[in-house]
Amino acid sequence: MGVSWRKHKSSRATGSRWWLPALPVALFLAGWQLLAGVNLINPSLFPPPTEIASELAELYTSGLPTRSLLIGHVTATLSRLLVASVIGILSGTLTGALMGISSRLYRFFDPLITVLMPVPGIAMAPLFIVWLGFGDPTIIALGSIAAFFPLAYNTAAGVRSIDPQLVRAARMMGAGKGTLLFDVYLPWAAGYVLVG
């Protein structure tokens, strides 16, 4: 009886506070609306949430041409994001794995990655615009770079942390370089890769 009463009391207390996670968001939106209403923030740069909601509703109800235009832009953005993510993830993981295996590659790439990783993408944008021009290649390159550096750094750290006895045991069982990479190094570094 005591256990079921505690469960009931606990679920009742949790159920009465369902709104608690939404409170910070509601306070933020109310503050934003208030600041925009008294012109403490520039409404042309930060329009009030009510204006944004009415524009979204108008976009949704305005008919097929506007809606299809919006869907086209969202699709283009998501496809660029997908391509950039795939390129960044594959190149970062492979480079990091090779850096972790080869101390020469590690000594070559580590200073470069350590210097460039903290540089924001917006600071690299002018270089990529000069090299690649405006358009999809620049956007995809910047997105790939954003994924590349943390993944390469963390994958290299993960591969370098492997127990040498594990590598020796795999080699004694006849594992070649490819088997070592995909069956020993990368599974060992998986936690580091996922953090990257």
N, C-alpha and C. Protein backbone atom coordinates (compact mmCIF):
# COMPACT_ATOMS: atom_id res chain seq x y z
N MET A 1 0.82 -1.19 0.00
CA MET A 1 0.00 0.00 0.00
C MET A 1 0.86 1.25 0.00
N GLY A 2 1.94 1.25 0.80
CA GLY A 2 2.82 2.42 0.87
C GLY A 2 3.49 2.69 -0.47
N VAL A 3 3.88 1.62 -1.17
CA VAL A 3 4.56 1.79 -2.44
C VAL A 3 3.61 2.37 -3.48
N SER A 4 2.39 1.86 -3.56
CA SER A 4 1.45 2.37 -4.56
C SER A 4 1.06 3.81 -4.25
N TRP A 5 0.95 4.17 -2.94
CA TRP A 5 0.60 5.55 -2.60
C TRP A 5 1.72 6.50 -3.02
N ARG A 6 3.02 6.05 -2.81
CA ARG A 6 4.15 6.88 -3.22
C ARG A 6 4.18 7.05 -4.73
N LYS A 7 3.91 5.97 -5.47
CA LYS A 7 3.87 6.06 -6.93
C LYS A 7 2.79 7.03 -7.37
N HIS A 8 1.61 6.94 -6.74
CA HIS A 8 0.50 7.81 -7.10
C HIS A 8 0.85 9.27 -6.81
N LYS A 9 1.45 9.52 -5.64
CA LYS A 9 1.82 10.88 -5.26
C LYS A 9 2.88 11.42 -6.22
N SER A 10 3.87 10.57 -6.56
CA SER A 10 4.94 10.99 -7.46
C SER A 10 4.40 11.31 -8.85
N SER A 11 3.50 10.48 -9.38
CA SER A 11 2.96 10.75 -10.71
C SER A 11 2.06 11.97 -10.69
N ARG A 12 1.34 12.21 -9.59
CA ARG A 12 0.49 13.38 -9.49
C ARG A 12 1.34 14.66 -9.46
N ALA A 13 2.45 14.62 -8.72
CA ALA A 13 3.32 15.79 -8.64
C ALA A 13 3.97 16.07 -9.99
N THR A 14 4.38 15.02 -10.68
CA THR A 14 4.99 15.20 -12.00
C THR A 14 3.96 15.70 -13.00
N GLY A 15 2.76 15.18 -12.95
CA GLY A 15 1.71 15.59 -13.88
C GLY A 15 1.29 17.03 -13.69
N SER A 16 1.39 17.55 -12.47
CA SER A 16 0.98 18.93 -12.25
C SER A 16 2.04 19.93 -12.69
N ARG A 17 3.23 19.46 -13.00
CA ARG A 17 4.30 20.36 -13.44
C ARG A 17 4.66 20.14 -14.91
N TRP A 18 3.73 19.78 -15.74
CA TRP A 18 4.00 19.53 -17.15
C TRP A 18 4.45 20.79 -17.88
N TRP A 19 4.06 21.94 -17.38
CA TRP A 19 4.34 23.22 -18.02
C TRP A 19 5.74 23.75 -17.69
N LEU A 20 6.41 23.15 -16.71
CA LEU A 20 7.69 23.67 -16.24
C LEU A 20 8.75 23.77 -17.35
N PRO A 21 8.93 22.77 -18.22
CA PRO A 21 9.93 22.91 -19.29
C PRO A 21 9.59 24.01 -20.30
N ALA A 22 8.30 24.32 -20.46
CA ALA A 22 7.90 25.35 -21.42
C ALA A 22 8.04 26.75 -20.86
N LEU A 23 8.19 26.89 -19.56
CA LEU A 23 8.24 28.20 -18.92
C LEU A 23 9.40 29.07 -19.41
N PRO A 24 10.65 28.57 -19.50
CA PRO A 24 11.73 29.43 -20.00
C PRO A 24 11.49 29.91 -21.43
N VAL A 25 10.95 29.05 -22.28
CA VAL A 25 10.67 29.44 -23.66
C VAL A 25 9.60 30.52 -23.69
N ALA A 26 8.54 30.34 -22.90
CA ALA A 26 7.47 31.33 -22.85
C ALA A 26 7.97 32.67 -22.31
N LEU A 27 8.81 32.63 -21.28
CA LEU A 27 9.37 33.88 -20.74
C LEU A 27 10.28 34.57 -21.76
N PHE A 28 11.07 33.78 -22.48
CA PHE A 28 11.94 34.35 -23.52
C PHE A 28 11.11 35.03 -24.61
N LEU A 29 10.07 34.34 -25.09
CA LEU A 29 9.23 34.91 -26.15
C LEU A 29 8.48 36.15 -25.65
N ALA A 30 8.00 36.12 -24.41
CA ALA A 30 7.30 37.29 -23.86
C ALA A 30 8.25 38.47 -23.72
N GLY A 31 9.47 38.22 -23.26
CA GLY A 31 10.46 39.30 -23.15
C GLY A 31 10.82 39.87 -24.50
N TRP A 32 10.99 39.00 -25.48
CA TRP A 32 11.29 39.42 -26.84
C TRP A 32 10.17 40.30 -27.39
N GLN A 33 8.93 39.85 -27.20
CA GLN A 33 7.77 40.61 -27.66
C GLN A 33 7.73 41.99 -26.99
N LEU A 34 7.99 42.02 -25.70
CA LEU A 34 7.95 43.27 -24.95
C LEU A 34 9.05 44.22 -25.41
N LEU A 35 10.28 43.71 -25.56
CA LEU A 35 11.39 44.55 -26.00
C LEU A 35 11.17 45.08 -27.41
N ALA A 36 10.62 44.26 -28.29
CA ALA A 36 10.33 44.73 -29.65
C ALA A 36 9.18 45.74 -29.64
N GLY A 37 8.22 45.54 -28.74
CA GLY A 37 7.07 46.46 -28.67
C GLY A 37 7.44 47.85 -28.21
N VAL A 38 8.43 47.98 -27.32
CA VAL A 38 8.84 49.30 -26.83
C VAL A 38 10.09 49.80 -27.56
N ASN A 39 10.45 49.15 -28.66
CA ASN A 39 11.56 49.53 -29.53
C ASN A 39 12.92 49.56 -28.83
N LEU A 40 13.12 48.67 -27.86
CA LEU A 40 14.45 48.54 -27.26
C LEU A 40 15.36 47.66 -28.12
N ILE A 41 14.75 46.84 -28.97
CA ILE A 41 15.51 46.12 -29.99
C ILE A 41 14.93 46.51 -31.34
N ASN A 42 15.77 46.47 -32.34
CA ASN A 42 15.36 46.90 -33.68
C ASN A 42 14.40 45.87 -34.28
N PRO A 43 13.12 46.26 -34.49
CA PRO A 43 12.16 45.28 -35.02
C PRO A 43 12.44 44.86 -36.46
N SER A 44 13.24 45.63 -37.20
CA SER A 44 13.57 45.19 -38.55
C SER A 44 14.62 44.08 -38.52
N LEU A 45 15.45 44.05 -37.46
CA LEU A 45 16.42 42.96 -37.30
C LEU A 45 15.84 41.79 -36.52
N PHE A 46 15.07 42.09 -35.48
CA PHE A 46 14.45 41.08 -34.64
C PHE A 46 12.96 41.35 -34.54
N PRO A 47 12.18 40.98 -35.55
CA PRO A 47 10.74 41.23 -35.48
C PRO A 47 10.11 40.46 -34.32
N PRO A 48 9.04 41.00 -33.75
CA PRO A 48 8.42 40.33 -32.61
C PRO A 48 7.88 38.95 -32.99
N PRO A 49 7.81 38.04 -32.03
CA PRO A 49 7.34 36.67 -32.31
C PRO A 49 5.94 36.64 -32.92
N THR A 50 5.06 37.58 -32.54
CA THR A 50 3.71 37.58 -33.12
C THR A 50 3.76 37.87 -34.62
N GLU A 51 4.66 38.76 -35.03
CA GLU A 51 4.80 39.08 -36.45
C GLU A 51 5.36 37.88 -37.22
N ILE A 52 6.31 37.19 -36.62
CA ILE A 52 6.88 35.99 -37.25
C ILE A 52 5.80 34.92 -37.41
N ALA A 53 5.00 34.72 -36.36
CA ALA A 53 3.93 33.71 -36.42
C ALA A 53 2.91 34.06 -37.48
N SER A 54 2.55 35.36 -37.60
CA SER A 54 1.56 35.73 -38.62
C SER A 54 2.12 35.55 -40.02
N GLU A 55 3.42 35.84 -40.21
CA GLU A 55 4.04 35.63 -41.53
C GLU A 55 4.09 34.14 -41.88
N LEU A 56 4.42 33.30 -40.89
CA LEU A 56 4.42 31.86 -41.14
C LEU A 56 3.03 31.35 -41.49
N ALA A 57 2.02 31.85 -40.79
CA ALA A 57 0.65 31.45 -41.09
C ALA A 57 0.25 31.91 -42.48
N GLU A 58 0.65 33.12 -42.85
CA GLU A 58 0.33 33.62 -44.19
C GLU A 58 1.03 32.81 -45.26
N LEU A 59 2.30 32.44 -45.01
CA LEU A 59 3.02 31.60 -45.97
C LEU A 59 2.32 30.26 -46.15
N TYR A 60 1.84 29.70 -45.06
CA TYR A 60 1.21 28.39 -45.12
C TYR A 60 -0.13 28.45 -45.83
N THR A 61 -0.90 29.53 -45.61
CA THR A 61 -2.25 29.60 -46.18
C THR A 61 -2.31 30.32 -47.51
N SER A 62 -1.19 30.87 -48.00
CA SER A 62 -1.25 31.71 -49.20
C SER A 62 -1.43 30.93 -50.49
N GLY A 63 -1.31 29.65 -50.46
CA GLY A 63 -1.54 28.89 -51.68
C GLY A 63 -0.32 28.13 -52.14
N LEU A 64 -0.52 27.41 -53.22
CA LEU A 64 0.49 26.48 -53.72
C LEU A 64 1.78 27.13 -54.19
N PRO A 65 1.76 28.23 -54.97
CA PRO A 65 3.04 28.76 -55.47
C PRO A 65 4.01 29.14 -54.35
N THR A 66 3.51 29.85 -53.33
CA THR A 66 4.39 30.26 -52.24
C THR A 66 4.84 29.06 -51.43
N ARG A 67 3.93 28.15 -51.16
CA ARG A 67 4.27 26.96 -50.38
C ARG A 67 5.29 26.11 -51.12
N SER A 68 5.13 25.93 -52.42
CA SER A 68 6.09 25.12 -53.17
C SER A 68 7.45 25.82 -53.25
N LEU A 69 7.45 27.15 -53.29
CA LEU A 69 8.71 27.89 -53.27
C LEU A 69 9.43 27.67 -51.94
N LEU A 70 8.68 27.74 -50.84
CA LEU A 70 9.25 27.52 -49.52
C LEU A 70 9.78 26.09 -49.40
N ILE A 71 9.00 25.12 -49.87
CA ILE A 71 9.43 23.72 -49.81
C ILE A 71 10.68 23.51 -50.66
N GLY A 72 10.76 24.19 -51.81
CA GLY A 72 11.95 24.09 -52.66
C GLY A 72 13.20 24.61 -51.95
N HIS A 73 13.06 25.74 -51.26
CA HIS A 73 14.21 26.29 -50.53
C HIS A 73 14.63 25.39 -49.36
N VAL A 74 13.65 24.87 -48.64
CA VAL A 74 13.96 23.97 -47.52
C VAL A 74 14.64 22.70 -48.04
N THR A 75 14.15 22.16 -49.15
CA THR A 75 14.75 20.96 -49.74
C THR A 75 16.18 21.23 -50.18
N ALA A 76 16.43 22.39 -50.81
CA ALA A 76 17.79 22.73 -51.24
C ALA A 76 18.73 22.85 -50.05
N THR A 77 18.25 23.47 -48.97
CA THR A 77 19.08 23.62 -47.77
C THR A 77 19.39 22.27 -47.16
N LEU A 78 18.38 21.41 -47.03
CA LEU A 78 18.59 20.09 -46.43
C LEU A 78 19.51 19.23 -47.28
N SER A 79 19.41 19.34 -48.61
CA SER A 79 20.29 18.53 -49.47
C SER A 79 21.74 19.01 -49.34
N ARG A 80 21.95 20.33 -49.26
CA ARG A 80 23.32 20.84 -49.04
C ARG A 80 23.86 20.35 -47.70
N LEU A 81 23.01 20.40 -46.69
CA LEU A 81 23.41 19.95 -45.35
C LEU A 81 23.78 18.47 -45.36
N LEU A 82 22.99 17.66 -46.05
CA LEU A 82 23.26 16.23 -46.12
C LEU A 82 24.58 15.94 -46.83
N VAL A 83 24.80 16.58 -47.98
CA VAL A 83 26.04 16.36 -48.74
C VAL A 83 27.25 16.82 -47.92
N ALA A 84 27.15 18.00 -47.30
CA ALA A 84 28.26 18.51 -46.49
C ALA A 84 28.54 17.60 -45.31
N SER A 85 27.49 17.09 -44.67
CA SER A 85 27.68 16.20 -43.52
C SER A 85 28.36 14.90 -43.93
N VAL A 86 27.91 14.31 -45.03
CA VAL A 86 28.51 13.05 -45.49
C VAL A 86 29.98 13.25 -45.83
N ILE A 87 30.30 14.32 -46.56
CA ILE A 87 31.70 14.58 -46.93
C ILE A 87 32.54 14.82 -45.67
N GLY A 88 32.04 15.66 -44.77
CA GLY A 88 32.79 15.98 -43.55
C GLY A 88 32.98 14.78 -42.65
N ILE A 89 31.93 13.97 -42.50
CA ILE A 89 32.03 12.79 -41.63
C ILE A 89 32.99 11.76 -42.20
N LEU A 90 32.86 11.45 -43.48
CA LEU A 90 33.74 10.44 -44.08
C LEU A 90 35.19 10.90 -44.11
N SER A 91 35.44 12.13 -44.57
CA SER A 91 36.82 12.61 -44.66
C SER A 91 37.44 12.82 -43.28
N GLY A 92 36.66 13.34 -42.33
CA GLY A 92 37.18 13.55 -40.98
C GLY A 92 37.50 12.25 -40.28
N THR A 93 36.62 11.27 -40.41
CA THR A 93 36.86 9.98 -39.75
C THR A 93 38.05 9.26 -40.38
N LEU A 94 38.13 9.26 -41.70
CA LEU A 94 39.25 8.58 -42.37
C LEU A 94 40.57 9.27 -42.06
N THR A 95 40.60 10.61 -42.14
CA THR A 95 41.83 11.34 -41.84
C THR A 95 42.26 11.12 -40.40
N GLY A 96 41.30 11.17 -39.48
CA GLY A 96 41.62 10.94 -38.07
C GLY A 96 42.13 9.54 -37.82
N ALA A 97 41.54 8.54 -38.48
CA ALA A 97 42.00 7.16 -38.32
C ALA A 97 43.43 7.01 -38.84
N LEU A 98 43.70 7.60 -40.00
CA LEU A 98 45.06 7.52 -40.55
C LEU A 98 46.05 8.28 -39.67
N MET A 99 45.62 9.41 -39.11
CA MET A 99 46.49 10.15 -38.18
C MET A 99 46.78 9.33 -36.93
N GLY A 100 45.79 8.61 -36.46
CA GLY A 100 45.98 7.80 -35.27
C GLY A 100 46.90 6.62 -35.50
N ILE A 101 46.86 6.06 -36.71
CA ILE A 101 47.69 4.90 -37.03
C ILE A 101 49.13 5.33 -37.33
N SER A 102 49.30 6.39 -38.10
CA SER A 102 50.63 6.82 -38.54
C SER A 102 51.09 8.04 -37.74
N SER A 103 52.20 7.89 -37.05
CA SER A 103 52.71 9.02 -36.27
C SER A 103 53.23 10.14 -37.17
N ARG A 104 53.70 9.79 -38.38
CA ARG A 104 54.13 10.82 -39.33
C ARG A 104 52.96 11.69 -39.76
N LEU A 105 51.85 11.04 -40.13
CA LEU A 105 50.66 11.81 -40.51
C LEU A 105 50.14 12.62 -39.34
N TYR A 106 50.23 12.06 -38.15
CA TYR A 106 49.77 12.79 -36.96
C TYR A 106 50.60 14.06 -36.76
N ARG A 107 51.92 13.93 -36.86
CA ARG A 107 52.78 15.10 -36.68
C ARG A 107 52.55 16.14 -37.78
N PHE A 108 52.17 15.70 -38.98
CA PHE A 108 51.92 16.63 -40.08
C PHE A 108 50.58 17.35 -39.90
N PHE A 109 49.51 16.59 -39.63
CA PHE A 109 48.16 17.17 -39.60
C PHE A 109 47.77 17.80 -38.26
N ASP A 110 48.33 17.31 -37.16
CA ASP A 110 47.87 17.79 -35.85
C ASP A 110 48.01 19.30 -35.66
N PRO A 111 49.17 19.91 -35.99
CA PRO A 111 49.24 21.37 -35.82
C PRO A 111 48.23 22.11 -36.70
N LEU A 112 48.04 21.61 -37.91
CA LEU A 112 47.09 22.25 -38.83
C LEU A 112 45.66 22.18 -38.27
N ILE A 113 45.27 21.01 -37.80
CA ILE A 113 43.92 20.84 -37.26
C ILE A 113 43.76 21.63 -35.97
N THR A 114 44.79 21.63 -35.12
CA THR A 114 44.72 22.35 -33.86
C THR A 114 44.57 23.86 -34.09
N VAL A 115 45.21 24.38 -35.12
CA VAL A 115 45.10 25.82 -35.41
C VAL A 115 43.78 26.15 -36.09
N LEU A 116 43.33 25.32 -37.03
CA LEU A 116 42.14 25.67 -37.82
C LEU A 116 40.82 25.28 -37.16
N MET A 117 40.83 24.32 -36.23
CA MET A 117 39.57 23.87 -35.64
C MET A 117 38.82 24.99 -34.92
N PRO A 118 39.48 25.86 -34.15
CA PRO A 118 38.71 26.90 -33.46
C PRO A 118 38.27 28.07 -34.34
N VAL A 119 38.76 28.13 -35.58
CA VAL A 119 38.40 29.25 -36.46
C VAL A 119 36.95 29.06 -36.91
N PRO A 120 36.09 30.06 -36.68
CA PRO A 120 34.69 29.91 -37.11
C PRO A 120 34.56 29.86 -38.62
N GLY A 121 33.55 29.14 -39.08
CA GLY A 121 33.32 29.00 -40.51
C GLY A 121 33.11 30.33 -41.21
N ILE A 122 32.48 31.28 -40.53
CA ILE A 122 32.21 32.58 -41.13
C ILE A 122 33.52 33.31 -41.44
N ALA A 123 34.58 33.02 -40.68
CA ALA A 123 35.88 33.64 -40.94
C ALA A 123 36.55 33.01 -42.16
N MET A 124 36.22 31.74 -42.45
CA MET A 124 36.79 31.07 -43.62
C MET A 124 35.98 31.35 -44.89
N ALA A 125 34.77 31.84 -44.73
CA ALA A 125 33.87 32.03 -45.87
C ALA A 125 34.48 32.89 -46.98
N PRO A 126 35.14 34.03 -46.68
CA PRO A 126 35.70 34.82 -47.78
C PRO A 126 36.72 34.04 -48.62
N LEU A 127 37.55 33.22 -47.96
CA LEU A 127 38.52 32.42 -48.72
C LEU A 127 37.82 31.45 -49.67
N PHE A 128 36.80 30.77 -49.15
CA PHE A 128 36.10 29.80 -49.99
C PHE A 128 35.32 30.49 -51.11
N ILE A 129 34.83 31.69 -50.86
CA ILE A 129 34.13 32.42 -51.92
C ILE A 129 35.12 32.80 -53.02
N VAL A 130 36.35 33.20 -52.63
CA VAL A 130 37.36 33.53 -53.63
C VAL A 130 37.75 32.28 -54.41
N TRP A 131 37.94 31.16 -53.70
CA TRP A 131 38.38 29.93 -54.37
C TRP A 131 37.28 29.28 -55.19
N LEU A 132 36.06 29.21 -54.66
CA LEU A 132 35.00 28.43 -55.29
C LEU A 132 33.87 29.27 -55.86
N GLY A 133 33.83 30.56 -55.56
CA GLY A 133 32.74 31.41 -56.02
C GLY A 133 31.52 31.27 -55.13
N PHE A 134 30.48 32.01 -55.48
CA PHE A 134 29.23 31.92 -54.74
C PHE A 134 28.49 30.66 -55.17
N GLY A 135 27.68 30.12 -54.29
CA GLY A 135 26.84 28.99 -54.66
C GLY A 135 27.06 27.76 -53.80
N ASP A 136 26.54 26.66 -54.31
CA ASP A 136 26.55 25.40 -53.56
C ASP A 136 27.94 24.90 -53.18
N PRO A 137 28.95 24.96 -54.08
CA PRO A 137 30.26 24.43 -53.68
C PRO A 137 30.82 25.09 -52.42
N THR A 138 30.67 26.41 -52.31
CA THR A 138 31.16 27.11 -51.12
C THR A 138 30.40 26.70 -49.88
N ILE A 139 29.08 26.62 -49.99
CA ILE A 139 28.24 26.25 -48.84
C ILE A 139 28.57 24.83 -48.39
N ILE A 140 28.71 23.91 -49.34
CA ILE A 140 29.03 22.52 -49.00
C ILE A 140 30.43 22.42 -48.40
N ALA A 141 31.39 23.17 -48.95
CA ALA A 141 32.76 23.13 -48.42
C ALA A 141 32.80 23.63 -46.98
N LEU A 142 32.10 24.73 -46.70
CA LEU A 142 32.09 25.26 -45.33
C LEU A 142 31.41 24.29 -44.36
N GLY A 143 30.33 23.66 -44.80
CA GLY A 143 29.67 22.67 -43.96
C GLY A 143 30.54 21.45 -43.71
N SER A 144 31.26 21.04 -44.74
CA SER A 144 32.16 19.89 -44.59
C SER A 144 33.30 20.19 -43.63
N ILE A 145 33.84 21.40 -43.74
CA ILE A 145 34.94 21.81 -42.85
C ILE A 145 34.47 21.82 -41.40
N ALA A 146 33.23 22.28 -41.19
CA ALA A 146 32.69 22.33 -39.82
C ALA A 146 32.63 20.94 -39.19
N ALA A 147 32.35 19.92 -40.00
CA ALA A 147 32.30 18.55 -39.48
C ALA A 147 33.68 17.89 -39.47
N PHE A 148 34.54 18.29 -40.41
CA PHE A 148 35.83 17.61 -40.60
C PHE A 148 36.75 17.74 -39.39
N PHE A 149 37.01 18.97 -38.94
CA PHE A 149 38.03 19.19 -37.92
C PHE A 149 37.74 18.48 -36.60
N PRO A 150 36.54 18.63 -36.01
CA PRO A 150 36.31 17.91 -34.75
C PRO A 150 36.37 16.39 -34.91
N LEU A 151 35.86 15.88 -36.04
CA LEU A 151 35.89 14.43 -36.25
C LEU A 151 37.31 13.92 -36.43
N ALA A 152 38.12 14.62 -37.22
CA ALA A 152 39.50 14.19 -37.42
C ALA A 152 40.26 14.20 -36.10
N TYR A 153 40.09 15.26 -35.33
CA TYR A 153 40.80 15.39 -34.05
C TYR A 153 40.39 14.29 -33.08
N ASN A 154 39.09 14.09 -32.92
CA ASN A 154 38.61 13.09 -31.95
C ASN A 154 38.89 11.66 -32.41
N THR A 155 38.77 11.40 -33.70
CA THR A 155 39.07 10.05 -34.19
C THR A 155 40.54 9.72 -33.99
N ALA A 156 41.42 10.69 -34.28
CA ALA A 156 42.86 10.46 -34.05
C ALA A 156 43.13 10.18 -32.58
N ALA A 157 42.49 10.93 -31.70
CA ALA A 157 42.68 10.70 -30.26
C ALA A 157 42.18 9.31 -29.86
N GLY A 158 41.06 8.89 -30.43
CA GLY A 158 40.52 7.57 -30.11
C GLY A 158 41.40 6.45 -30.62
N VAL A 159 41.89 6.57 -31.84
CA VAL A 159 42.75 5.52 -32.41
C VAL A 159 44.08 5.45 -31.65
N ARG A 160 44.60 6.61 -31.26
CA ARG A 160 45.88 6.63 -30.53
C ARG A 160 45.74 6.07 -29.11
N SER A 161 44.50 6.02 -28.60
CA SER A 161 44.31 5.52 -27.24
C SER A 161 44.14 3.99 -27.18
N ILE A 162 44.23 3.33 -28.33
CA ILE A 162 44.01 1.87 -28.36
C ILE A 162 45.12 1.15 -27.60
N ASP A 163 44.75 0.07 -26.99
CA ASP A 163 45.71 -0.76 -26.26
C ASP A 163 46.62 -1.46 -27.27
N PRO A 164 47.94 -1.24 -27.21
CA PRO A 164 48.85 -1.85 -28.19
C PRO A 164 48.78 -3.38 -28.20
N GLN A 165 48.45 -3.99 -27.06
CA GLN A 165 48.35 -5.45 -27.02
C GLN A 165 47.21 -5.94 -27.90
N LEU A 166 46.15 -5.15 -27.99
CA LEU A 166 45.03 -5.51 -28.85
C LEU A 166 45.46 -5.53 -30.32
N VAL A 167 46.25 -4.54 -30.71
CA VAL A 167 46.74 -4.48 -32.09
C VAL A 167 47.69 -5.64 -32.36
N ARG A 168 48.58 -5.92 -31.41
CA ARG A 168 49.51 -7.05 -31.58
C ARG A 168 48.75 -8.36 -31.70
N ALA A 169 47.73 -8.54 -30.88
CA ALA A 169 46.94 -9.78 -30.94
C ALA A 169 46.25 -9.92 -32.28
N ALA A 170 45.70 -8.83 -32.81
CA ALA A 170 45.03 -8.89 -34.11
C ALA A 170 46.03 -9.21 -35.21
N ARG A 171 47.24 -8.63 -35.13
CA ARG A 171 48.26 -8.91 -36.14
C ARG A 171 48.72 -10.37 -36.07
N MET A 172 48.82 -10.89 -34.86
CA MET A 172 49.23 -12.29 -34.70
C MET A 172 48.18 -13.23 -35.28
N MET A 173 46.92 -12.79 -35.30
CA MET A 173 45.86 -13.62 -35.89
C MET A 173 45.73 -13.40 -37.38
N GLY A 174 46.64 -12.62 -37.98
CA GLY A 174 46.67 -12.45 -39.42
C GLY A 174 45.90 -11.27 -39.95
N ALA A 175 45.57 -10.31 -39.11
CA ALA A 175 44.81 -9.15 -39.57
C ALA A 175 45.71 -8.25 -40.41
N GLY A 176 45.23 -7.88 -41.60
CA GLY A 176 45.95 -6.94 -42.45
C GLY A 176 45.61 -5.51 -42.08
N LYS A 177 46.11 -4.56 -42.89
CA LYS A 177 45.89 -3.14 -42.57
C LYS A 177 44.42 -2.76 -42.63
N GLY A 178 43.72 -3.25 -43.64
CA GLY A 178 42.29 -2.94 -43.76
C GLY A 178 41.48 -3.52 -42.62
N THR A 179 41.80 -4.76 -42.26
CA THR A 179 41.10 -5.40 -41.14
C THR A 179 41.38 -4.66 -39.84
N LEU A 180 42.65 -4.27 -39.65
CA LEU A 180 42.99 -3.51 -38.44
C LEU A 180 42.21 -2.20 -38.39
N LEU A 181 42.13 -1.52 -39.53
CA LEU A 181 41.45 -0.22 -39.55
C LEU A 181 39.97 -0.37 -39.22
N PHE A 182 39.28 -1.28 -39.94
CA PHE A 182 37.82 -1.36 -39.81
C PHE A 182 37.34 -2.26 -38.67
N ASP A 183 38.17 -3.23 -38.26
CA ASP A 183 37.71 -4.16 -37.22
C ASP A 183 38.36 -3.93 -35.86
N VAL A 184 39.43 -3.13 -35.81
CA VAL A 184 40.10 -2.91 -34.53
C VAL A 184 40.11 -1.42 -34.18
N TYR A 185 40.74 -0.60 -35.03
CA TYR A 185 40.92 0.82 -34.70
C TYR A 185 39.60 1.59 -34.63
N LEU A 186 38.80 1.51 -35.69
CA LEU A 186 37.56 2.31 -35.70
C LEU A 186 36.54 1.87 -34.65
N PRO A 187 36.33 0.55 -34.43
CA PRO A 187 35.43 0.20 -33.32
C PRO A 187 35.94 0.69 -31.96
N TRP A 188 37.26 0.63 -31.77
CA TRP A 188 37.82 1.11 -30.51
C TRP A 188 37.57 2.62 -30.36
N ALA A 189 37.69 3.35 -31.46
CA ALA A 189 37.56 4.81 -31.42
C ALA A 189 36.13 5.28 -31.59
N ALA A 190 35.16 4.37 -31.65
CA ALA A 190 33.77 4.76 -31.95
C ALA A 190 33.23 5.80 -30.97
N GLY A 191 33.55 5.67 -29.70
CA GLY A 191 33.08 6.65 -28.72
C GLY A 191 33.63 8.04 -29.02
N TYR A 192 34.91 8.10 -29.38
CA TYR A 192 35.53 9.37 -29.73
C TYR A 192 34.91 9.95 -31.00
N VAL A 193 34.64 9.08 -31.97
CA VAL A 193 34.04 9.54 -33.24
C VAL A 193 32.66 10.13 -32.98
N LEU A 194 31.87 9.47 -32.16
CA LEU A 194 30.51 9.96 -31.88
C LEU A 194 30.54 11.28 -31.12
N VAL A 195 31.53 11.48 -30.27
CA VAL A 195 31.65 12.76 -29.57
C VAL A 195 32.04 13.86 -30.54
N GLY A 196 32.86 13.52 -31.57
CA GLY A 196 33.31 14.51 -32.55
C GLY A 196 32.18 14.99 -33.36
